[in-house]
PDB file of N, CA and C in Angstrom:
ATOM      1  N   ILE A   1      -3.323   0.635 -21.472  1.00  0.00           N
ATOM      2  CA  ILE A   1      -2.741   0.277 -20.185  1.00  0.00           C
ATOM      3  C   ILE A   1      -2.219   1.550 -19.545  1.00  0.00           C
ATOM      4  N   ASP A   2      -2.650   1.789 -18.305  1.00  0.00           N
ATOM      5  CA  ASP A   2      -2.232   2.972 -17.570  1.00  0.00           C
ATOM      6  C   ASP A   2      -1.264   2.550 -16.476  1.00  0.00           C
ATOM      7  N   GLY A   3      -0.023   3.007 -16.545  1.00  0.00           N
ATOM      8  CA  GLY A   3       0.955   2.657 -15.531  1.00  0.00           C
ATOM      9  C   GLY A   3       2.365   2.931 -15.999  1.00  0.00           C
ATOM     10  N   VAL A   4       3.322   2.407 -15.232  1.00  0.00           N
ATOM     11  CA  VAL A   4       4.739   2.599 -15.504  1.00  0.00           C
ATOM     12  C   VAL A   4       5.383   1.226 -15.678  1.00  0.00           C
ATOM     13  N   VAL A   5       6.171   1.068 -16.731  1.00  0.00           N
ATOM     14  CA  VAL A   5       6.888  -0.190 -16.951  1.00  0.00           C
ATOM     15  C   VAL A   5       8.063  -0.242 -15.986  1.00  0.00           C
ATOM     16  N   THR A   6       8.102  -1.295 -15.156  1.00  0.00           N
ATOM     17  CA  THR A   6       9.189  -1.445 -14.186  1.00  0.00           C
ATOM     18  C   THR A   6      10.136  -2.582 -14.553  1.00  0.00           C
ATOM     19  N   GLU A   7       9.731  -3.407 -15.519  1.00  0.00           N
ATOM     20  CA  GLU A   7      10.587  -4.525 -15.923  1.00  0.00           C
ATOM     21  C   GLU A   7      10.261  -4.926 -17.360  1.00  0.00           C
ATOM     22  N   LEU A   8      11.281  -5.097 -18.163  1.00  0.00           N
ATOM     23  CA  LEU A   8      11.145  -5.656 -19.506  1.00  0.00           C
ATOM     24  C   LEU A   8      11.944  -6.953 -19.543  1.00  0.00           C
ATOM     25  N   ARG A   9      11.320  -8.029 -19.976  1.00  0.00           N
ATOM     26  CA  ARG A   9      11.988  -9.324 -19.961  1.00  0.00           C
ATOM     27  C   ARG A   9      12.616  -9.714 -21.299  1.00  0.00           C
ATOM     28  N   PHE A  10      12.375  -8.923 -22.330  1.00  0.00           N
ATOM     29  CA  PHE A  10      12.907  -9.236 -23.649  1.00  0.00           C
ATOM     30  C   PHE A  10      13.545  -7.998 -24.259  1.00  0.00           C
ATOM     31  N   ASP A  11      14.495  -8.220 -25.147  1.00  0.00           N
ATOM     32  CA  ASP A  11      15.114  -7.120 -25.874  1.00  0.00           C
ATOM     33  C   ASP A  11      14.329  -6.855 -27.152  1.00  0.00           C
ATOM     34  N   GLU A  12      14.554  -5.690 -27.733  1.00  0.00           N
ATOM     35  CA  GLU A  12      13.902  -5.321 -28.973  1.00  0.00           C
ATOM     36  C   GLU A  12      14.197  -6.380 -30.039  1.00  0.00           C
ATOM     37  N   ALA A  13      13.177  -6.777 -30.775  1.00  0.00           N
ATOM     38  CA  ALA A  13      13.237  -7.748 -31.870  1.00  0.00           C
ATOM     39  C   ALA A  13      13.439  -9.188 -31.393  1.00  0.00           C
ATOM     40  N   GLU A  14      13.470  -9.428 -30.102  1.00  0.00           N
ATOM     41  CA  GLU A  14      13.591 -10.791 -29.582  1.00  0.00           C
ATOM     42  C   GLU A  14      12.224 -11.471 -29.653  1.00  0.00           C
ATOM     43  N   GLY A  15      12.195 -12.729 -30.066  1.00  0.00           N
ATOM     44  CA  GLY A  15      10.951 -13.476 -30.198  1.00  0.00           C
ATOM     45  C   GLY A  15      10.345 -13.829 -28.848  1.00  0.00           C
ATOM     46  N   VAL A  16       9.010 -13.832 -28.797  1.00  0.00           N
ATOM     47  CA  VAL A  16       8.285 -14.189 -27.584  1.00  0.00           C
ATOM     48  C   VAL A  16       7.367 -15.342 -27.922  1.00  0.00           C
ATOM     49  N   GLY A  17       7.522 -16.456 -27.212  1.00  0.00           N
ATOM     50  CA  GLY A  17       6.680 -17.622 -27.444  1.00  0.00           C
ATOM     51  C   GLY A  17       5.605 -17.745 -26.383  1.00  0.00           C
ATOM     52  N   ALA A  18       4.708 -18.702 -26.587  1.00  0.00           N
ATOM     53  CA  ALA A  18       3.597 -18.895 -25.652  1.00  0.00           C
ATOM     54  C   ALA A  18       4.079 -19.337 -24.277  1.00  0.00           C
ATOM     55  N   SER A  19       5.176 -20.078 -24.203  1.00  0.00           N
ATOM     56  CA  SER A  19       5.646 -20.589 -22.906  1.00  0.00           C
ATOM     57  C   SER A  19       6.301 -19.503 -22.052  1.00  0.00           C
ATOM     58  N   ASN A  20       6.725 -18.413 -22.650  1.00  0.00           N
ATOM     59  CA  ASN A  20       7.336 -17.315 -21.887  1.00  0.00           C
ATOM     60  C   ASN A  20       6.654 -16.000 -22.252  1.00  0.00           C
ATOM     61  N   SER A  21       5.341 -15.935 -21.971  1.00  0.00           N
ATOM     62  CA  SER A  21       4.555 -14.790 -22.422  1.00  0.00           C
ATOM     63  C   SER A  21       4.607 -13.592 -21.474  1.00  0.00           C
ATOM     64  N   HIS A  22       5.324 -13.694 -20.371  1.00  0.00           N
ATOM     65  CA  HIS A  22       5.484 -12.544 -19.467  1.00  0.00           C
ATOM     66  C   HIS A  22       6.544 -11.634 -20.076  1.00  0.00           C
ATOM     67  N   VAL A  23       6.094 -10.588 -20.735  1.00  0.00           N
ATOM     68  CA  VAL A  23       6.979  -9.703 -21.480  1.00  0.00           C
ATOM     69  C   VAL A  23       7.436  -8.514 -20.634  1.00  0.00           C
ATOM     70  N   ALA A  24       6.528  -7.956 -19.842  1.00  0.00           N
ATOM     71  CA  ALA A  24       6.846  -6.754 -19.067  1.00  0.00           C
ATOM     72  C   ALA A  24       6.007  -6.723 -17.800  1.00  0.00           C
ATOM     73  N   THR A  25       6.469  -5.934 -16.838  1.00  0.00           N
ATOM     74  CA  THR A  25       5.698  -5.669 -15.631  1.00  0.00           C
ATOM     75  C   THR A  25       5.331  -4.192 -15.640  1.00  0.00           C
ATOM     76  N   VAL A  26       4.037  -3.927 -15.498  1.00  0.00           N
ATOM     77  CA  VAL A  26       3.533  -2.560 -15.475  1.00  0.00           C
ATOM     78  C   VAL A  26       2.843  -2.354 -14.128  1.00  0.00           C
ATOM     79  N   VAL A  27       3.187  -1.269 -13.424  1.00  0.00           N
ATOM     80  CA  VAL A  27       2.536  -0.974 -12.156  1.00  0.00           C
ATOM     81  C   VAL A  27       1.774   0.330 -12.256  1.00  0.00           C
ATOM     82  N   GLN A  28       0.650   0.354 -11.575  1.00  0.00           N
ATOM     83  CA  GLN A  28      -0.181   1.555 -11.496  1.00  0.00           C
ATOM     84  C   GLN A  28       0.228   2.270 -10.215  1.00  0.00           C
ATOM     85  N   LEU A  29       0.680   3.506 -10.313  1.00  0.00           N
ATOM     86  CA  LEU A  29       1.182   4.240  -9.152  1.00  0.00           C
ATOM     87  C   LEU A  29       0.136   5.127  -8.482  1.00  0.00           C
ATOM     88  N   GLN A  30      -0.973   5.351  -9.148  1.00  0.00           N
ATOM     89  CA  GLN A  30      -2.036   6.146  -8.551  1.00  0.00           C
ATOM     90  C   GLN A  30      -3.352   5.452  -8.769  1.00  0.00           C
ATOM     91  N   PRO A  31      -4.149   5.176  -7.798  1.00  0.00           N
ATOM     92  CA  PRO A  31      -3.852   5.426  -6.400  1.00  0.00           C
ATOM     93  C   PRO A  31      -2.840   4.418  -5.868  1.00  0.00           C
ATOM     94  N   MET A  32      -2.203   4.760  -4.776  1.00  0.00           N
ATOM     95  CA  MET A  32      -1.277   3.831  -4.135  1.00  0.00           C
ATOM     96  C   MET A  32      -1.988   3.141  -2.983  1.00  0.00           C
ATOM     97  N   ARG A  33      -1.566   1.923  -2.738  1.00  0.00           N
ATOM     98  CA  ARG A  33      -2.186   1.093  -1.708  1.00  0.00           C
ATOM     99  C   ARG A  33      -1.184   0.877  -0.574  1.00  0.00           C
ATOM    100  N   VAL A  34      -1.652   1.083   0.644  1.00  0.00           N
ATOM    101  CA  VAL A  34      -0.842   0.822   1.824  1.00  0.00           C
ATOM    102  C   VAL A  34      -1.534  -0.290   2.595  1.00  0.00           C
ATOM    103  N   GLN A  35      -0.771  -1.290   2.979  1.00  0.00           N
ATOM    104  CA  GLN A  35      -1.351  -2.386   3.744  1.00  0.00           C
ATOM    105  C   GLN A  35      -0.731  -2.421   5.129  1.00  0.00           C
ATOM    106  N   PHE A  36      -1.592  -2.416   6.141  1.00  0.00           N
ATOM    107  CA  PHE A  36      -1.164  -2.486   7.534  1.00  0.00           C
ATOM    108  C   PHE A  36      -1.701  -3.758   8.167  1.00  0.00           C
ATOM    109  N   ASN A  37      -0.965  -4.300   9.095  1.00  0.00           N
ATOM    110  CA  ASN A  37      -1.452  -5.353   9.978  1.00  0.00           C
ATOM    111  C   ASN A  37      -1.627  -4.695  11.338  1.00  0.00           C
ATOM    112  N   LEU A  38      -2.867  -4.306  11.617  1.00  0.00           N
ATOM    113  CA  LEU A  38      -3.153  -3.510  12.812  1.00  0.00           C
ATOM    114  C   LEU A  38      -3.567  -4.379  13.985  1.00  0.00           C
ATOM    115  N   PRO A  39      -3.209  -3.967  15.203  1.00  0.00           N
ATOM    116  CA  PRO A  39      -3.722  -4.648  16.393  1.00  0.00           C
ATOM    117  C   PRO A  39      -5.251  -4.579  16.380  1.00  0.00           C
ATOM    118  N   LEU A  40      -5.901  -5.605  16.918  1.00  0.00           N
ATOM    119  CA  LEU A  40      -7.368  -5.653  16.919  1.00  0.00           C
ATOM    120  C   LEU A  40      -7.986  -4.390  17.496  1.00  0.00           C
ATOM    121  N   GLU A  41      -7.446  -3.901  18.593  1.00  0.00           N
ATOM    122  CA  GLU A  41      -7.993  -2.712  19.252  1.00  0.00           C
ATOM    123  C   GLU A  41      -7.983  -1.500  18.317  1.00  0.00           C
ATOM    124  N   GLN A  42      -6.944  -1.351  17.542  1.00  0.00           N
ATOM    125  CA  GLN A  42      -6.841  -0.214  16.620  1.00  0.00           C
ATOM    126  C   GLN A  42      -7.741  -0.414  15.399  1.00  0.00           C
ATOM    127  N   ALA A  43      -7.785  -1.633  14.862  1.00  0.00           N
ATOM    128  CA  ALA A  43      -8.567  -1.909  13.649  1.00  0.00           C
ATOM    129  C   ALA A  43     -10.064  -1.781  13.881  1.00  0.00           C
ATOM    130  N   ARG A  44     -10.512  -2.105  15.068  1.00  0.00           N
ATOM    131  CA  ARG A  44     -11.969  -2.087  15.302  1.00  0.00           C
ATOM    132  C   ARG A  44     -12.562  -0.684  15.277  1.00  0.00           C
ATOM    133  N   HIS A  45     -11.726   0.351  15.350  1.00  0.00           N
ATOM    134  CA  HIS A  45     -12.213   1.728  15.294  1.00  0.00           C
ATOM    135  C   HIS A  45     -12.283   2.261  13.861  1.00  0.00           C
ATOM    136  N   LEU A  46     -11.837   1.471  12.895  1.00  0.00           N
ATOM    137  CA  LEU A  46     -11.851   1.901  11.489  1.00  0.00           C
ATOM    138  C   LEU A  46     -13.045   1.314  10.761  1.00  0.00           C
ATOM    139  N   LYS A  47     -13.509   2.028   9.759  1.00  0.00           N
ATOM    140  CA  LYS A  47     -14.606   1.573   8.906  1.00  0.00           C
ATOM    141  C   LYS A  47     -14.230   1.828   7.454  1.00  0.00           C
ATOM    142  N   PRO A  48     -14.617   0.939   6.527  1.00  0.00           N
ATOM    143  CA  PRO A  48     -14.359   1.204   5.110  1.00  0.00           C
ATOM    144  C   PRO A  48     -14.959   2.551   4.706  1.00  0.00           C
ATOM    145  N   GLY A  49     -14.181   3.315   3.945  1.00  0.00           N
ATOM    146  CA  GLY A  49     -14.607   4.632   3.493  1.00  0.00           C
ATOM    147  C   GLY A  49     -14.146   5.764   4.396  1.00  0.00           C
ATOM    148  N   ALA A  50     -13.664   5.436   5.596  1.00  0.00           N
ATOM    149  CA  ALA A  50     -13.205   6.475   6.526  1.00  0.00           C
ATOM    150  C   ALA A  50     -11.880   7.066   6.048  1.00  0.00           C
ATOM    151  N   GLU A  51     -11.707   8.362   6.268  1.00  0.00           N
ATOM    152  CA  GLU A  51     -10.435   9.010   5.951  1.00  0.00           C
ATOM    153  C   GLU A  51      -9.480   8.853   7.132  1.00  0.00           C
ATOM    154  N   VAL A  52      -8.214   8.586   6.827  1.00  0.00           N
ATOM    155  CA  VAL A  52      -7.170   8.434   7.838  1.00  0.00           C
ATOM    156  C   VAL A  52      -5.924   9.176   7.359  1.00  0.00           C
ATOM    157  N   LEU A  53      -5.011   9.426   8.284  1.00  0.00           N
ATOM    158  CA  LEU A  53      -3.747  10.051   7.931  1.00  0.00           C
ATOM    159  C   LEU A  53      -2.656   8.990   7.901  1.00  0.00           C
ATOM    160  N   VAL A  54      -1.834   9.046   6.848  1.00  0.00           N
ATOM    161  CA  VAL A  54      -0.688   8.144   6.714  1.00  0.00           C
ATOM    162  C   VAL A  54       0.565   9.014   6.705  1.00  0.00           C
ATOM    163  N   GLU A  55       1.454   8.747   7.657  1.00  0.00           N
ATOM    164  CA  GLU A  55       2.687   9.520   7.807  1.00  0.00           C
ATOM    165  C   GLU A  55       3.837   8.807   7.115  1.00  0.00           C
ATOM    166  N   PHE A  56       4.723   9.586   6.495  1.00  0.00           N
ATOM    167  CA  PHE A  56       5.923   9.080   5.839  1.00  0.00           C
ATOM    168  C   PHE A  56       7.120   9.736   6.510  1.00  0.00           C
ATOM    169  N   PRO A  57       7.621   9.155   7.613  1.00  0.00           N
ATOM    170  CA  PRO A  57       8.648   9.805   8.427  1.00  0.00           C
ATOM    171  C   PRO A  57       9.931  10.132   7.675  1.00  0.00           C
ATOM    172  N   ASP A  58      10.361   9.287   6.758  1.00  0.00           N
ATOM    173  CA  ASP A  58      11.600   9.551   6.020  1.00  0.00           C
ATOM    174  C   ASP A  58      11.473  10.749   5.078  1.00  0.00           C
ATOM    175  N   TYR A  59      10.249  11.136   4.743  1.00  0.00           N
ATOM    176  CA  TYR A  59      10.000  12.261   3.850  1.00  0.00           C
ATOM    177  C   TYR A  59       9.349  13.437   4.571  1.00  0.00           C
ATOM    178  N   ALA A  60       9.089  13.263   5.878  1.00  0.00           N
ATOM    179  CA  ALA A  60       8.431  14.296   6.685  1.00  0.00           C
ATOM    180  C   ALA A  60       7.137  14.774   6.022  1.00  0.00           C
ATOM    181  N   GLU A  61       6.345  13.822   5.544  1.00  0.00           N
ATOM    182  CA  GLU A  61       5.080  14.152   4.878  1.00  0.00           C
ATOM    183  C   GLU A  61       3.956  13.306   5.447  1.00  0.00           C
ATOM    184  N   THR A  62       2.741  13.828   5.321  1.00  0.00           N
ATOM    185  CA  THR A  62       1.526  13.118   5.722  1.00  0.00           C
ATOM    186  C   THR A  62       0.535  13.225   4.579  1.00  0.00           C
ATOM    187  N   ARG A  63      -0.152  12.136   4.276  1.00  0.00           N
ATOM    188  CA  ARG A  63      -1.165  12.125   3.212  1.00  0.00           C
ATOM    189  C   ARG A  63      -2.483  11.605   3.779  1.00  0.00           C
ATOM    190  N   VAL A  64      -3.578  12.080   3.211  1.00  0.00           N
ATOM    191  CA  VAL A  64      -4.897  11.569   3.560  1.00  0.00           C
ATOM    192  C   VAL A  64      -5.151  10.327   2.720  1.00  0.00           C
ATOM    193  N   GLY A  65      -5.593   9.270   3.377  1.00  0.00           N
ATOM    194  CA  GLY A  65      -5.954   8.037   2.692  1.00  0.00           C
ATOM    195  C   GLY A  65      -7.367   7.636   3.063  1.00  0.00           C
ATOM    196  N   VAL A  66      -7.894   6.658   2.347  1.00  0.00           N
ATOM    197  CA  VAL A  66      -9.243   6.159   2.606  1.00  0.00           C
ATOM    198  C   VAL A  66      -9.153   4.665   2.895  1.00  0.00           C
ATOM    199  N   VAL A  67      -9.806   4.238   3.977  1.00  0.00           N
ATOM    200  CA  VAL A  67      -9.837   2.816   4.318  1.00  0.00           C
ATOM    201  C   VAL A  67     -10.594   2.092   3.207  1.00  0.00           C
ATOM    202  N   ASP A  68      -9.914   1.167   2.551  1.00  0.00           N
ATOM    203  CA  ASP A  68     -10.490   0.441   1.421  1.00  0.00           C
ATOM    204  C   ASP A  68     -10.963  -0.959   1.829  1.00  0.00           C
ATOM    205  N   TYR A  69     -10.249  -1.583   2.761  1.00  0.00           N
ATOM    206  CA  TYR A  69     -10.548  -2.976   3.110  1.00  0.00           C
ATOM    207  C   TYR A  69     -10.104  -3.255   4.535  1.00  0.00           C
ATOM    208  N   ILE A  70     -10.924  -3.976   5.267  1.00  0.00           N
ATOM    209  CA  ILE A  70     -10.577  -4.482   6.587  1.00  0.00           C
ATOM    210  C   ILE A  70     -10.912  -5.962   6.582  1.00  0.00           C
ATOM    211  N   SER A  71      -9.923  -6.794   6.831  1.00  0.00           N
ATOM    212  CA  SER A  71     -10.135  -8.238   6.786  1.00  0.00           C
ATOM    213  C   SER A  71     -11.165  -8.659   7.833  1.00  0.00           C
ATOM    214  N   PRO A  72     -12.032  -9.609   7.480  1.00  0.00           N
ATOM    215  CA  PRO A  72     -13.015 -10.090   8.456  1.00  0.00           C
ATOM    216  C   PRO A  72     -12.423 -11.092   9.459  1.00  0.00           C
ATOM    217  N   VAL A  73     -11.167 -11.474   9.259  1.00  0.00           N
ATOM    218  CA  VAL A  73     -10.528 -12.427  10.174  1.00  0.00           C
ATOM    219  C   VAL A  73      -9.207 -11.855  10.687  1.00  0.00           C
ATOM    220  N   SER A  74      -8.831 -12.269  11.883  1.00  0.00           N
ATOM    221  CA  SER A  74      -7.564 -11.811  12.451  1.00  0.00           C
ATOM    222  C   SER A  74      -6.507 -12.892  12.295  1.00  0.00           C
ATOM    223  N   THR A  75      -5.250 -12.482  12.429  1.00  0.00           N
ATOM    224  CA  THR A  75      -4.136 -13.420  12.441  1.00  0.00           C
ATOM    225  C   THR A  75      -4.025 -13.925  13.870  1.00  0.00           C
ATOM    226  N   ALA A  76      -4.265 -15.205  14.083  1.00  0.00           N
ATOM    227  CA  ALA A  76      -4.347 -15.748  15.431  1.00  0.00           C
ATOM    228  C   ALA A  76      -3.044 -15.604  16.218  1.00  0.00           C
ATOM    229  N   VAL A  77      -1.916 -15.794  15.587  1.00  0.00           N
ATOM    230  CA  VAL A  77      -0.639 -15.796  16.289  1.00  0.00           C
ATOM    231  C   VAL A  77      -0.306 -14.427  16.874  1.00  0.00           C
ATOM    232  N   VAL A  78      -0.478 -13.375  16.092  1.00  0.00           N
ATOM    233  CA  VAL A  78      -0.099 -12.033  16.559  1.00  0.00           C
ATOM    234  C   VAL A  78      -1.296 -11.123  16.807  1.00  0.00           C
ATOM    235  N   ASN A  79      -2.515 -11.622  16.589  1.00  0.00           N
ATOM    236  CA  ASN A  79      -3.735 -10.879  16.889  1.00  0.00           C
ATOM    237  C   ASN A  79      -3.829  -9.549  16.141  1.00  0.00           C
ATOM    238  N   THR A  80      -3.643  -9.594  14.832  1.00  0.00           N
ATOM    239  CA  THR A  80      -3.745  -8.392  14.010  1.00  0.00           C
ATOM    240  C   THR A  80      -4.772  -8.583  12.899  1.00  0.00           C
ATOM    241  N   ILE A  81      -5.192  -7.477  12.330  1.00  0.00           N
ATOM    242  CA  ILE A  81      -6.160  -7.456  11.223  1.00  0.00           C
ATOM    243  C   ILE A  81      -5.511  -6.771  10.028  1.00  0.00           C
ATOM    244  N   ARG A  82      -5.566  -7.415   8.867  1.00  0.00           N
ATOM    245  CA  ARG A  82      -5.032  -6.807   7.648  1.00  0.00           C
ATOM    246  C   ARG A  82      -5.982  -5.709   7.189  1.00  0.00           C
ATOM    247  N   THR A  83      -5.426  -4.525   6.977  1.00  0.00           N
ATOM    248  CA  THR A  83      -6.198  -3.350   6.591  1.00  0.00           C
ATOM    249  C   THR A  83      -5.520  -2.673   5.416  1.00  0.00           C
ATOM    250  N   ARG A  84      -6.310  -2.277   4.413  1.00  0.00           N
ATOM    251  CA  ARG A  84      -5.755  -1.630   3.221  1.00  0.00           C
ATOM    252  C   ARG A  84      -6.267  -0.194   3.142  1.00  0.00           C
ATOM    253  N   ILE A  85      -5.325   0.726   2.918  1.00  0.00           N
ATOM    254  CA  ILE A  85      -5.625   2.148   2.779  1.00  0.00           C
ATOM    255  C   ILE A  85      -5.229   2.574   1.365  1.00  0.00           C
ATOM    256  N   MET A  86      -6.094   3.306   0.693  1.00  0.00           N
ATOM    257  CA  MET A  86      -5.800   3.832  -0.629  1.00  0.00           C
ATOM    258  C   MET A  86      -5.456   5.310  -0.498  1.00  0.00           C
ATOM    259  N   ILE A  87      -4.350   5.704  -1.146  1.00  0.00           N
ATOM    260  CA  ILE A  87      -3.929   7.101  -1.155  1.00  0.00           C
ATOM    261  C   ILE A  87      -4.107   7.609  -2.582  1.00  0.00           C
ATOM    262  N   PRO A  88      -5.126   8.471  -2.804  1.00  0.00           N
ATOM    263  CA  PRO A  88      -5.457   8.878  -4.163  1.00  0.00           C
ATOM    264  C   PRO A  88      -4.351   9.626  -4.891  1.00  0.00           C
ATOM    265  N   ASP A  89      -3.610  10.478  -4.202  1.00  0.00           N
ATOM    266  CA  ASP A  89      -2.566  11.258  -4.861  1.00  0.00           C
ATOM    267  C   ASP A  89      -1.297  11.216  -4.025  1.00  0.00           C
ATOM    268  N   PRO A  90      -0.441  10.190  -4.250  1.00  0.00           N
ATOM    269  CA  PRO A  90       0.765  10.074  -3.430  1.00  0.00           C
ATOM    270  C   PRO A  90       1.850  11.084  -3.778  1.00  0.00           C
ATOM    271  N   GLY A  91       1.644  11.888  -4.805  1.00  0.00           N
ATOM    272  CA  GLY A  91       2.662  12.864  -5.206  1.00  0.00           C
ATOM    273  C   GLY A  91       3.925  12.146  -5.656  1.00  0.00           C
ATOM    274  N   GLN A  92       5.063  12.577  -5.134  1.00  0.00           N
ATOM    275  CA  GLN A  92       6.349  12.001  -5.541  1.00  0.00           C
ATOM    276  C   GLN A  92       6.831  10.896  -4.607  1.00  0.00           C
ATOM    277  N   LEU A  93       5.983  10.408  -3.716  1.00  0.00           N
ATOM    278  CA  LEU A  93       6.393   9.346  -2.804  1.00  0.00           C
ATOM    279  C   LEU A  93       6.592   8.045  -3.581  1.00  0.00           C
ATOM    280  N   PRO A  94       7.753   7.424  -3.462  1.00  0.00           N
ATOM    281  CA  PRO A  94       7.994   6.182  -4.191  1.00  0.00           C
ATOM    282  C   PRO A  94       7.365   4.980  -3.484  1.00  0.00           C
ATOM    283  N   ALA A  95       7.017   3.971  -4.244  1.00  0.00           N
ATOM    284  CA  ALA A  95       6.499   2.734  -3.670  1.00  0.00           C
ATOM    285  C   ALA A  95       7.587   2.067  -2.846  1.00  0.00           C
ATOM    286  N   GLY A  96       7.165   1.422  -1.755  1.00  0.00           N
ATOM    287  CA  GLY A  96       8.093   0.655  -0.937  1.00  0.00           C
ATOM    288  C   GLY A  96       8.670   1.371   0.260  1.00  0.00           C
ATOM    289  N   ILE A  97       8.298   2.641   0.488  1.00  0.00           N
ATOM    290  CA  ILE A  97       8.859   3.357   1.635  1.00  0.00           C
ATOM    291  C   ILE A  97       8.046   3.073   2.897  1.00  0.00           C
ATOM    292  N   LYS A  98       8.659   3.284   4.050  1.00  0.00           N
ATOM    293  CA  LYS A  98       7.998   3.041   5.330  1.00  0.00           C
ATOM    294  C   LYS A  98       7.001   4.150   5.624  1.00  0.00           C
ATOM    295  N   CYS A  99       5.909   3.746   6.287  1.00  0.00           N
ATOM    296  CA  CYS A  99       4.902   4.711   6.673  1.00  0.00           C
ATOM    297  C   CYS A  99       4.198   4.245   7.939  1.00  0.00           C
ATOM    298  N   ARG A 100       3.443   5.161   8.551  1.00  0.00           N
ATOM    299  CA  ARG A 100       2.691   4.871   9.769  1.00  0.00           C
ATOM    300  C   ARG A 100       1.262   5.351   9.600  1.00  0.00           C
ATOM    301  N   LEU A 101       0.335   4.596  10.160  1.00  0.00           N
ATOM    302  CA  LEU A 101      -1.066   4.996  10.155  1.00  0.00           C
ATOM    303  C   LEU A 101      -1.343   5.801  11.414  1.00  0.00           C
ATOM    304  N   GLN A 102      -1.994   6.935  11.249  1.00  0.00           N
ATOM    305  CA  GLN A 102      -2.386   7.760  12.374  1.00  0.00           C
ATOM    306  C   GLN A 102      -3.897   7.700  12.458  1.00  0.00           C
ATOM    307  N   THR A 103      -4.428   7.094  13.516  1.00  0.00           N
ATOM    308  CA  THR A 103      -5.881   6.928  13.610  1.00  0.00           C
ATOM    309  C   THR A 103      -6.576   8.141  14.187  1.00  0.00           C
ATOM    310  N   ASP A 104      -5.855   8.981  14.912  1.00  0.00           N
ATOM    311  CA  ASP A 104      -6.357  10.296  15.287  1.00  0.00           C
ATOM    312  C   ASP A 104      -5.154  11.218  15.423  1.00  0.00           C
ATOM    313  N   ALA A 105      -5.395  12.473  15.645  1.00  0.00           N
ATOM    314  CA  ALA A 105      -4.316  13.460  15.593  1.00  0.00           C
ATOM    315  C   ALA A 105      -3.208  13.220  16.611  1.00  0.00           C
ATOM    316  N   SER A 106      -3.460  12.439  17.665  1.00  0.00           N
ATOM    317  CA  SER A 106      -2.438  12.270  18.691  1.00  0.00           C
ATOM    318  C   SER A 106      -1.900  10.859  18.811  1.00  0.00           C
ATOM    319  N   ASP A 107      -2.378   9.918  17.998  1.00  0.00           N
ATOM    320  CA  ASP A 107      -2.021   8.516  18.211  1.00  0.00           C
ATOM    321  C   ASP A 107      -1.568   7.839  16.926  1.00  0.00           C
ATOM    322  N   ALA A 108      -0.281   7.849  16.656  1.00  0.00           N
ATOM    323  CA  ALA A 108       0.257   7.153  15.485  1.00  0.00           C
ATOM    324  C   ALA A 108       0.495   5.699  15.852  1.00  0.00           C
ATOM    325  N   SER A 109       0.352   4.799  14.878  1.00  0.00           N
ATOM    326  CA  SER A 109       0.627   3.392  15.144  1.00  0.00           C
ATOM    327  C   SER A 109       2.105   3.214  15.465  1.00  0.00           C
ATOM    328  N   ASP A 110       2.434   2.087  16.040  1.00  0.00           N
ATOM    329  CA  ASP A 110       3.788   1.808  16.536  1.00  0.00           C
ATOM    330  C   ASP A 110       4.833   2.016  15.453  1.00  0.00           C
ATOM    331  N   ALA A 111       5.721   2.980  15.660  1.00  0.00           N
ATOM    332  CA  ALA A 111       6.754   3.307  14.674  1.00  0.00           C
ATOM    333  C   ALA A 111       7.787   2.204  14.554  1.00  0.00           C
ATOM    334  N   SER A 112       7.880   1.320  15.551  1.00  0.00           N
ATOM    335  CA  SER A 112       8.853   0.228  15.456  1.00  0.00           C
ATOM    336  C   SER A 112       8.357  -0.887  14.557  1.00  0.00           C
ATOM    337  N   ASN A 113       7.088  -0.828  14.164  1.00  0.00           N
ATOM    338  CA  ASN A 113       6.523  -1.835  13.277  1.00  0.00           C
ATOM    339  C   ASN A 113       5.801  -1.143  12.126  1.00  0.00           C
ATOM    340  N   PRO A 114       6.527  -0.333  11.316  1.00  0.00           N
ATOM    341  CA  PRO A 114       5.865   0.424  10.253  1.00  0.00           C
ATOM    342  C   PRO A 114       5.447  -0.472   9.094  1.00  0.00           C
ATOM    343  N   SER A 115       4.504   0.000   8.329  1.00  0.00           N
ATOM    344  CA  SER A 115       4.096  -0.688   7.120  1.00  0.00           C
ATOM    345  C   SER A 115       4.903  -0.128   5.961  1.00  0.00           C
ATOM    346  N   THR A 116       4.635  -0.612   4.763  1.00  0.00           N
ATOM    347  CA  THR A 116       5.303  -0.066   3.594  1.00  0.00           C
ATOM    348  C   THR A 116       4.289   0.308   2.540  1.00  0.00           C
ATOM    349  N   LEU A 117       4.589   1.359   1.824  1.00  0.00           N
ATOM    350  CA  LEU A 117       3.749   1.821   0.745  1.00  0.00           C
ATOM    351  C   LEU A 117       3.989   0.921  -0.462  1.00  0.00           C
ATOM    352  N   THR A 118       2.925   0.389  -1.044  1.00  0.00           N
ATOM    353  CA  THR A 118       3.075  -0.503  -2.183  1.00  0.00           C
ATOM    354  C   THR A 118       2.231  -0.018  -3.337  1.00  0.00           C
ATOM    355  N   GLN A 119       2.608  -0.384  -4.536  1.00  0.00           N
ATOM    356  CA  GLN A 119       1.850   0.051  -5.691  1.00  0.00           C
ATOM    357  C   GLN A 119       0.594  -0.785  -5.847  1.00  0.00           C
ATOM    358  N   SER A 120      -0.433  -0.190  -6.424  1.00  0.00           N
ATOM    359  CA  SER A 120      -1.672  -0.894  -6.702  1.00  0.00           C
ATOM    360  C   SER A 120      -1.504  -1.788  -7.908  1.00  0.00           C
ATOM    361  N   ASN A 121      -2.226  -2.878  -7.913  1.00  0.00           N
ATOM    362  CA  ASN A 121      -2.244  -3.728  -9.101  1.00  0.00           C
ATOM    363  C   ASN A 121      -3.319  -3.215 -10.024  1.00  0.00           C
ATOM    364  N   PRO A 122      -3.007  -3.049 -11.319  1.00  0.00           N
ATOM    365  CA  PRO A 122      -4.022  -2.517 -12.231  1.00  0.00           C
ATOM    366  C   PRO A 122      -5.168  -3.480 -12.428  1.00  0.00           C
TER     367      PRO A 122
END
């Protein structure tokens, strides 16, 4: 198992039965996954495999990511498309921090509606 233990549910030498078999939570930190809900106009310019820039304003850093997934359906109420970006080497950036997608060098997505960096599921 490759990852970091973020939760242990039992103490050393404590018995584990079949009904409570969730012993620990392990998260894979590399690559990291960022999920955005992008406006249709912005999402339609992206393609799976394309490189994009993801900004981390609280850390004053930018990382290159790769578009991994673009949902084939939009959210009808707010007219957005779920998009997933993979960041191969997040360095020391912790999971859960705010970030922005930059689709070109001059146009960052709305900073008032930032996404969050989340860990990948192994």
